[in-house]
Structure formats: C-alpha cells, structure tokens
PDB file of N, CA and C in Angstrom:
ATOM      1  N   UNK A   1     158.994  78.827 128.258  1.00  0.00           N
ATOM      2  CA  UNK A   1     159.276  78.351 129.513  1.00  0.00           C
ATOM      3  C   UNK A   1     158.022  77.573 130.200  1.00  0.00           C
ATOM      4  N   UNK A   2     156.825  78.173 129.823  1.00  0.00           N
ATOM      5  CA  UNK A   2     155.761  77.454 130.471  1.00  0.00           C
ATOM      6  C   UNK A   2     155.548  75.956 129.690  1.00  0.00           C
ATOM      7  N   UNK A   3     155.864  75.948 128.573  1.00  0.00           N
ATOM      8  CA  UNK A   3     155.780  74.578 127.800  1.00  0.00           C
ATOM      9  C   UNK A   3     156.696  73.525 128.517  1.00  0.00           C
ATOM     10  N   UNK A   4     157.961  74.087 128.975  1.00  0.00           N
ATOM     11  CA  UNK A   4     158.865  73.251 129.656  1.00  0.00           C
ATOM     12  C   UNK A   4     158.213  72.741 131.062  1.00  0.00           C
ATOM     13  N   UNK A   5     157.580  73.702 131.539  1.00  0.00           N
ATOM     14  CA  UNK A   5     156.977  73.389 133.010  1.00  0.00           C
ATOM     15  C   UNK A   5     155.880  72.420 132.974  1.00  0.00           C
ATOM     16  N   UNK A   6     155.167  72.495 131.678  1.00  0.00           N
ATOM     17  CA  UNK A   6     154.178  71.593 131.525  1.00  0.00           C
ATOM     18  C   UNK A   6     154.374  70.212 130.772  1.00  0.00           C
ATOM     19  N   UNK A   7     155.660  70.021 130.567  1.00  0.00           N
ATOM     20  CA  UNK A   7     156.076  68.876 129.613  1.00  0.00           C
ATOM     21  C   UNK A   7     155.848  67.567 130.220  1.00  0.00           C
ATOM     22  N   UNK A   8     155.806  67.399 131.762  1.00  0.00           N
ATOM     23  CA  UNK A   8     155.510  66.295 132.236  1.00  0.00           C
ATOM     24  C   UNK A   8     154.074  65.778 132.405  1.00  0.00           C
ATOM     25  N   UNK A   9     153.408  66.636 131.905  1.00  0.00           N
ATOM     26  CA  UNK A   9     151.842  66.465 131.954  1.00  0.00           C
ATOM     27  C   UNK A   9     151.264  66.403 133.288  1.00  0.00           C
ATOM     28  N   UNK A  10     151.912  66.925 134.117  1.00  0.00           N
ATOM     29  CA  UNK A  10     151.427  66.802 135.676  1.00  0.00           C
ATOM     30  C   UNK A  10     150.226  67.841 135.636  1.00  0.00           C
ATOM     31  N   UNK A  11     149.190  67.412 136.106  1.00  0.00           N
ATOM     32  CA  UNK A  11     148.009  68.302 136.181  1.00  0.00           C
ATOM     33  C   UNK A  11     148.038  69.307 137.364  1.00  0.00           C
ATOM     34  N   UNK A  12     148.709  70.219 137.185  1.00  0.00           N
ATOM     35  CA  UNK A  12     148.998  71.373 138.101  1.00  0.00           C
ATOM     36  C   UNK A  12     148.174  72.608 137.645  1.00  0.00           C
ATOM     37  N   UNK A  13     147.060  72.934 138.417  1.00  0.00           N
ATOM     38  CA  UNK A  13     146.232  74.116 137.915  1.00  0.00           C
ATOM     39  C   UNK A  13     146.798  75.305 137.982  1.00  0.00           C
ATOM     40  N   UNK A  14     147.826  75.676 138.945  1.00  0.00           N
ATOM     41  CA  UNK A  14     148.362  76.874 138.937  1.00  0.00           C
ATOM     42  C   UNK A  14     149.397  77.054 137.820  1.00  0.00           C
ATOM     43  N   UNK A  15     150.054  76.203 137.305  1.00  0.00           N
ATOM     44  CA  UNK A  15     150.788  76.109 136.088  1.00  0.00           C
ATOM     45  C   UNK A  15     149.774  76.473 134.866  1.00  0.00           C
ATOM     46  N   UNK A  16     148.882  75.709 134.808  1.00  0.00           N
ATOM     47  CA  UNK A  16     147.814  75.870 133.724  1.00  0.00           C
ATOM     48  C   UNK A  16     147.324  77.261 133.659  1.00  0.00           C
ATOM     49  N   UNK A  17     147.020  77.786 134.897  1.00  0.00           N
ATOM     50  CA  UNK A  17     146.585  79.266 134.959  1.00  0.00           C
ATOM     51  C   UNK A  17     147.643  80.191 134.426  1.00  0.00           C
ATOM     52  N   UNK A  18     148.930  79.932 134.853  1.00  0.00           N
ATOM     53  CA  UNK A  18     149.861  80.827 134.284  1.00  0.00           C
ATOM     54  C   UNK A  18     149.998  80.773 132.742  1.00  0.00           C
ATOM     55  N   UNK A  19     149.918  79.454 132.214  1.00  0.00           N
ATOM     56  CA  UNK A  19     149.937  79.269 130.784  1.00  0.00           C
ATOM     57  C   UNK A  19     148.869  80.077 130.213  1.00  0.00           C
ATOM     58  N   UNK A  20     147.565  79.964 130.741  1.00  0.00           N
ATOM     59  CA  UNK A  20     146.588  80.652 130.152  1.00  0.00           C
ATOM     60  C   UNK A  20     146.689  82.343 130.022  1.00  0.00           C
ATOM     61  N   UNK A  21     147.330  82.717 131.317  1.00  0.00           N
ATOM     62  CA  UNK A  21     147.613  84.108 131.282  1.00  0.00           C
ATOM     63  C   UNK A  21     148.629  84.652 130.407  1.00  0.00           C
ATOM     64  N   UNK A  22     149.685  83.841 130.174  1.00  0.00           N
ATOM     65  CA  UNK A  22     150.759  84.133 129.341  1.00  0.00           C
ATOM     66  C   UNK A  22     150.365  84.296 127.873  1.00  0.00           C
ATOM     67  N   UNK A  23     149.427  83.077 127.521  1.00  0.00           N
ATOM     68  CA  UNK A  23     149.060  83.280 125.959  1.00  0.00           C
ATOM     69  C   UNK A  23     147.973  84.220 125.846  1.00  0.00           C
ATOM     70  N   UNK A  24     147.184  84.566 127.008  1.00  0.00           N
ATOM     71  CA  UNK A  24     146.109  85.738 126.879  1.00  0.00           C
ATOM     72  C   UNK A  24     147.001  87.031 126.479  1.00  0.00           C
ATOM     73  N   UNK A  25     147.940  87.154 127.072  1.00  0.00           N
ATOM     74  CA  UNK A  25     148.781  88.547 126.934  1.00  0.00           C
ATOM     75  C   UNK A  25     149.401  88.393 125.548  1.00  0.00           C
ATOM     76  N   UNK A  26     149.727  87.319 125.085  1.00  0.00           N
ATOM     77  CA  UNK A  26     150.569  86.988 123.961  1.00  0.00           C
ATOM     78  C   UNK A  26     149.600  87.084 122.730  1.00  0.00           C
ATOM     79  N   UNK A  27     148.498  87.125 122.923  1.00  0.00           N
ATOM     80  CA  UNK A  27     147.360  87.349 121.767  1.00  0.00           C
ATOM     81  C   UNK A  27     147.001  86.010 121.148  1.00  0.00           C
ATOM     82  N   UNK A  28     147.014  84.878 122.002  1.00  0.00           N
ATOM     83  CA  UNK A  28     146.458  83.538 121.509  1.00  0.00           C
ATOM     84  C   UNK A  28     145.345  83.312 122.372  1.00  0.00           C
ATOM     85  N   UNK A  29     144.088  83.933 122.155  1.00  0.00           N
ATOM     86  CA  UNK A  29     143.026  83.511 122.929  1.00  0.00           C
ATOM     87  C   UNK A  29     142.486  82.120 123.077  1.00  0.00           C
ATOM     88  N   UNK A  30     142.575  81.409 121.898  1.00  0.00           N
ATOM     89  CA  UNK A  30     142.200  79.966 121.918  1.00  0.00           C
ATOM     90  C   UNK A  30     143.071  79.126 122.852  1.00  0.00           C
ATOM     91  N   UNK A  31     144.381  79.370 122.774  1.00  0.00           N
ATOM     92  CA  UNK A  31     145.200  78.427 123.850  1.00  0.00           C
ATOM     93  C   UNK A  31     144.836  79.080 125.118  1.00  0.00           C
ATOM     94  N   UNK A  32     144.720  80.344 125.378  1.00  0.00           N
ATOM     95  CA  UNK A  32     144.604  80.886 126.633  1.00  0.00           C
ATOM     96  C   UNK A  32     143.309  80.423 127.176  1.00  0.00           C
ATOM     97  N   UNK A  33     142.052  80.400 126.578  1.00  0.00           N
ATOM     98  CA  UNK A  33     140.784  79.941 126.986  1.00  0.00           C
ATOM     99  C   UNK A  33     141.028  78.434 127.422  1.00  0.00           C
ATOM    100  N   UNK A  34     141.644  77.578 126.638  1.00  0.00           N
ATOM    101  CA  UNK A  34     141.698  76.194 126.880  1.00  0.00           C
ATOM    102  C   UNK A  34     142.377  76.022 128.102  1.00  0.00           C
ATOM    103  N   UNK A  35     143.784  76.521 128.361  1.00  0.00           N
ATOM    104  CA  UNK A  35     144.535  76.366 129.612  1.00  0.00           C
ATOM    105  C   UNK A  35     143.762  77.001 130.751  1.00  0.00           C
ATOM    106  N   UNK A  36     143.078  78.114 130.845  1.00  0.00           N
ATOM    107  CA  UNK A  36     142.334  78.570 131.903  1.00  0.00           C
ATOM    108  C   UNK A  36     141.216  77.612 132.284  1.00  0.00           C
ATOM    109  N   UNK A  37     140.477  77.222 131.303  1.00  0.00           N
ATOM    110  CA  UNK A  37     139.499  76.101 131.488  1.00  0.00           C
ATOM    111  C   UNK A  37     140.032  74.901 132.153  1.00  0.00           C
ATOM    112  N   UNK A  38     141.094  74.367 131.706  1.00  0.00           N
ATOM    113  CA  UNK A  38     141.712  73.127 132.191  1.00  0.00           C
ATOM    114  C   UNK A  38     142.143  73.368 133.698  1.00  0.00           C
ATOM    115  N   UNK A  39     142.644  74.615 134.036  1.00  0.00           N
ATOM    116  CA  UNK A  39     143.138  74.990 135.417  1.00  0.00           C
ATOM    117  C   UNK A  39     141.997  74.864 136.303  1.00  0.00           C
ATOM    118  N   UNK A  40     140.746  75.494 135.850  1.00  0.00           N
ATOM    119  CA  UNK A  40     139.694  75.655 136.631  1.00  0.00           C
ATOM    120  C   UNK A  40     138.929  74.350 136.789  1.00  0.00           C
ATOM    121  N   UNK A  41     139.129  73.481 135.892  1.00  0.00           N
ATOM    122  CA  UNK A  41     138.521  71.975 135.821  1.00  0.00           C
ATOM    123  C   UNK A  41     139.359  70.939 136.691  1.00  0.00           C
ATOM    124  N   UNK A  42     140.656  71.494 136.520  1.00  0.00           N
ATOM    125  CA  UNK A  42     141.502  70.423 137.456  1.00  0.00           C
ATOM    126  C   UNK A  42     141.258  70.701 138.874  1.00  0.00           C
ATOM    127  N   UNK A  43     141.235  72.007 139.242  1.00  0.00           N
ATOM    128  CA  UNK A  43     140.902  72.260 140.797  1.00  0.00           C
ATOM    129  C   UNK A  43     140.346  73.702 140.751  1.00  0.00           C
ATOM    130  N   UNK A  44     139.099  73.764 140.897  1.00  0.00           N
ATOM    131  CA  UNK A  44     138.386  74.984 140.919  1.00  0.00           C
ATOM    132  C   UNK A  44     138.771  75.826 142.246  1.00  0.00           C
ATOM    133  N   UNK A  45     139.534  75.414 142.985  1.00  0.00           N
ATOM    134  CA  UNK A  45     139.968  76.139 144.253  1.00  0.00           C
ATOM    135  C   UNK A  45     141.461  76.242 144.185  1.00  0.00           C
ATOM    136  N   UNK A  46     142.179  76.457 143.234  1.00  0.00           N
ATOM    137  CA  UNK A  46     143.688  76.130 143.069  1.00  0.00           C
ATOM    138  C   UNK A  46     144.416  77.278 143.833  1.00  0.00           C
ATOM    139  N   UNK A  47     143.828  78.593 143.816  1.00  0.00           N
ATOM    140  CA  UNK A  47     144.410  79.583 144.435  1.00  0.00           C
ATOM    141  C   UNK A  47     143.370  80.688 145.038  1.00  0.00           C
ATOM    142  N   UNK A  48     143.354  81.111 146.171  1.00  0.00           N
ATOM    143  CA  UNK A  48     142.391  82.000 146.745  1.00  0.00           C
ATOM    144  C   UNK A  48     142.376  83.235 145.806  1.00  0.00           C
ATOM    145  N   UNK A  49     143.257  83.908 145.180  1.00  0.00           N
ATOM    146  CA  UNK A  49     143.205  85.032 144.422  1.00  0.00           C
ATOM    147  C   UNK A  49     143.033  84.794 142.970  1.00  0.00           C
ATOM    148  N   UNK A  50     143.854  83.856 142.394  1.00  0.00           N
ATOM    149  CA  UNK A  50     143.876  83.597 140.991  1.00  0.00           C
ATOM    150  C   UNK A  50     142.631  82.936 140.311  1.00  0.00           C
ATOM    151  N   UNK A  51     141.712  82.354 141.067  1.00  0.00           N
ATOM    152  CA  UNK A  51     140.604  81.588 140.660  1.00  0.00           C
ATOM    153  C   UNK A  51     139.665  82.611 140.105  1.00  0.00           C
ATOM    154  N   UNK A  52     139.513  83.768 140.770  1.00  0.00           N
ATOM    155  CA  UNK A  52     138.562  84.849 140.324  1.00  0.00           C
ATOM    156  C   UNK A  52     139.160  85.454 138.995  1.00  0.00           C
ATOM    157  N   UNK A  53     140.457  85.590 139.055  1.00  0.00           N
ATOM    158  CA  UNK A  53     141.000  86.174 137.747  1.00  0.00           C
ATOM    159  C   UNK A  53     140.826  85.102 136.621  1.00  0.00           C
ATOM    160  N   UNK A  54     141.059  83.906 136.802  1.00  0.00           N
ATOM    161  CA  UNK A  54     140.847  82.892 135.794  1.00  0.00           C
ATOM    162  C   UNK A  54     139.439  82.857 135.233  1.00  0.00           C
ATOM    163  N   UNK A  55     138.452  82.845 136.304  1.00  0.00           N
ATOM    164  CA  UNK A  55     137.160  82.968 135.872  1.00  0.00           C
ATOM    165  C   UNK A  55     136.688  84.215 134.953  1.00  0.00           C
ATOM    166  N   UNK A  56     137.172  85.312 135.426  1.00  0.00           N
ATOM    167  CA  UNK A  56     137.010  86.510 134.674  1.00  0.00           C
ATOM    168  C   UNK A  56     137.633  86.459 133.235  1.00  0.00           C
ATOM    169  N   UNK A  57     138.837  85.985 133.253  1.00  0.00           N
ATOM    170  CA  UNK A  57     139.425  85.874 131.795  1.00  0.00           C
ATOM    171  C   UNK A  57     138.826  85.009 130.943  1.00  0.00           C
ATOM    172  N   UNK A  58     138.262  83.771 131.438  1.00  0.00           N
ATOM    173  CA  UNK A  58     137.562  82.837 130.663  1.00  0.00           C
ATOM    174  C   UNK A  58     136.377  83.470 130.120  1.00  0.00           C
ATOM    175  N   UNK A  59     135.674  84.223 130.828  1.00  0.00           N
ATOM    176  CA  UNK A  59     134.572  85.091 130.344  1.00  0.00           C
ATOM    177  C   UNK A  59     134.860  86.061 129.475  1.00  0.00           C
ATOM    178  N   UNK A  60     135.928  86.704 129.477  1.00  0.00           N
ATOM    179  CA  UNK A  60     136.444  87.632 128.560  1.00  0.00           C
ATOM    180  C   UNK A  60     136.662  87.133 127.204  1.00  0.00           C
ATOM    181  N   UNK A  61     137.344  85.846 127.354  1.00  0.00           N
ATOM    182  CA  UNK A  61     137.998  85.288 126.150  1.00  0.00           C
ATOM    183  C   UNK A  61     136.858  84.454 125.291  1.00  0.00           C
ATOM    184  N   UNK A  62     135.857  84.035 126.098  1.00  0.00           N
ATOM    185  CA  UNK A  62     134.813  83.285 125.382  1.00  0.00           C
ATOM    186  C   UNK A  62     134.560  82.060 126.137  1.00  0.00           C
ATOM    187  N   UNK A  63     133.918  81.180 125.512  1.00  0.00           N
ATOM    188  CA  UNK A  63     133.373  80.111 126.125  1.00  0.00           C
ATOM    189  C   UNK A  63     134.349  78.864 125.771  1.00  0.00           C
ATOM    190  N   UNK A  64     135.250  78.321 126.754  1.00  0.00           N
ATOM    191  CA  UNK A  64     136.362  77.315 126.407  1.00  0.00           C
ATOM    192  C   UNK A  64     135.568  75.837 126.162  1.00  0.00           C
ATOM    193  N   UNK A  65     134.389  75.732 126.724  1.00  0.00           N
ATOM    194  CA  UNK A  65     133.818  74.438 126.389  1.00  0.00           C
ATOM    195  C   UNK A  65     133.643  73.970 125.003  1.00  0.00           C
ATOM    196  N   UNK A  66     133.409  75.176 124.340  1.00  0.00           N
ATOM    197  CA  UNK A  66     133.344  74.904 122.812  1.00  0.00           C
ATOM    198  C   UNK A  66     134.697  74.311 122.185  1.00  0.00           C
ATOM    199  N   UNK A  67     135.688  74.713 122.756  1.00  0.00           N
ATOM    200  CA  UNK A  67     137.071  74.293 122.273  1.00  0.00           C
ATOM    201  C   UNK A  67     137.315  72.722 122.509  1.00  0.00           C
ATOM    202  N   UNK A  68     136.629  72.315 123.664  1.00  0.00           N
ATOM    203  CA  UNK A  68     137.001  70.888 124.015  1.00  0.00           C
ATOM    204  C   UNK A  68     135.937  69.934 123.305  1.00  0.00           C
ATOM    205  N   UNK A  69     135.162  70.330 122.636  1.00  0.00           N
ATOM    206  CA  UNK A  69     134.201  69.476 121.854  1.00  0.00           C
ATOM    207  C   UNK A  69     134.605  69.242 120.344  1.00  0.00           C
ATOM    208  N   UNK A  70     135.826  69.617 120.285  1.00  0.00           N
ATOM    209  CA  UNK A  70     136.317  69.432 118.792  1.00  0.00           C
ATOM    210  C   UNK A  70     136.630  67.965 118.616  1.00  0.00           C
TER     211      UNK A  70
END
C-alpha cells in the first residue's frame, strides 16, 4: 500500500517516514534507511513527534548517506 501512496513521486516526507518504518519492521533495513533519510532530507521538520523517531531509527539502522552514494 505504501508503494501505491508514493507512486506519483510526490515528495511527501510523512509518507516517506511511514515507508521507512514499514520496511524497518518488515526486516528490510536498506530500504528503511533510504526512505527515512529521504523523509528527513525532504523536510527535516515534517512532524513534531516523528522527526525524532526517524532520526533515531536512521541511527539504529546505520548511515543512509552511504546508500545514496552508489
């Protein structure tokens, strides 16, 4: 469902955050890191509560910057 929500390539940080959390819980850390990093890059203030969660999850999953340099 999250892929459908993002199919229009609209840069919506909250959708990217949810994608990252979904993939983190589903056991795909690479996709999760990238989505959370994209959410924070798109809008580092996208939600007063979820920003801190996203930042913490990125730290737990590793450095997403390495993924974007491929």
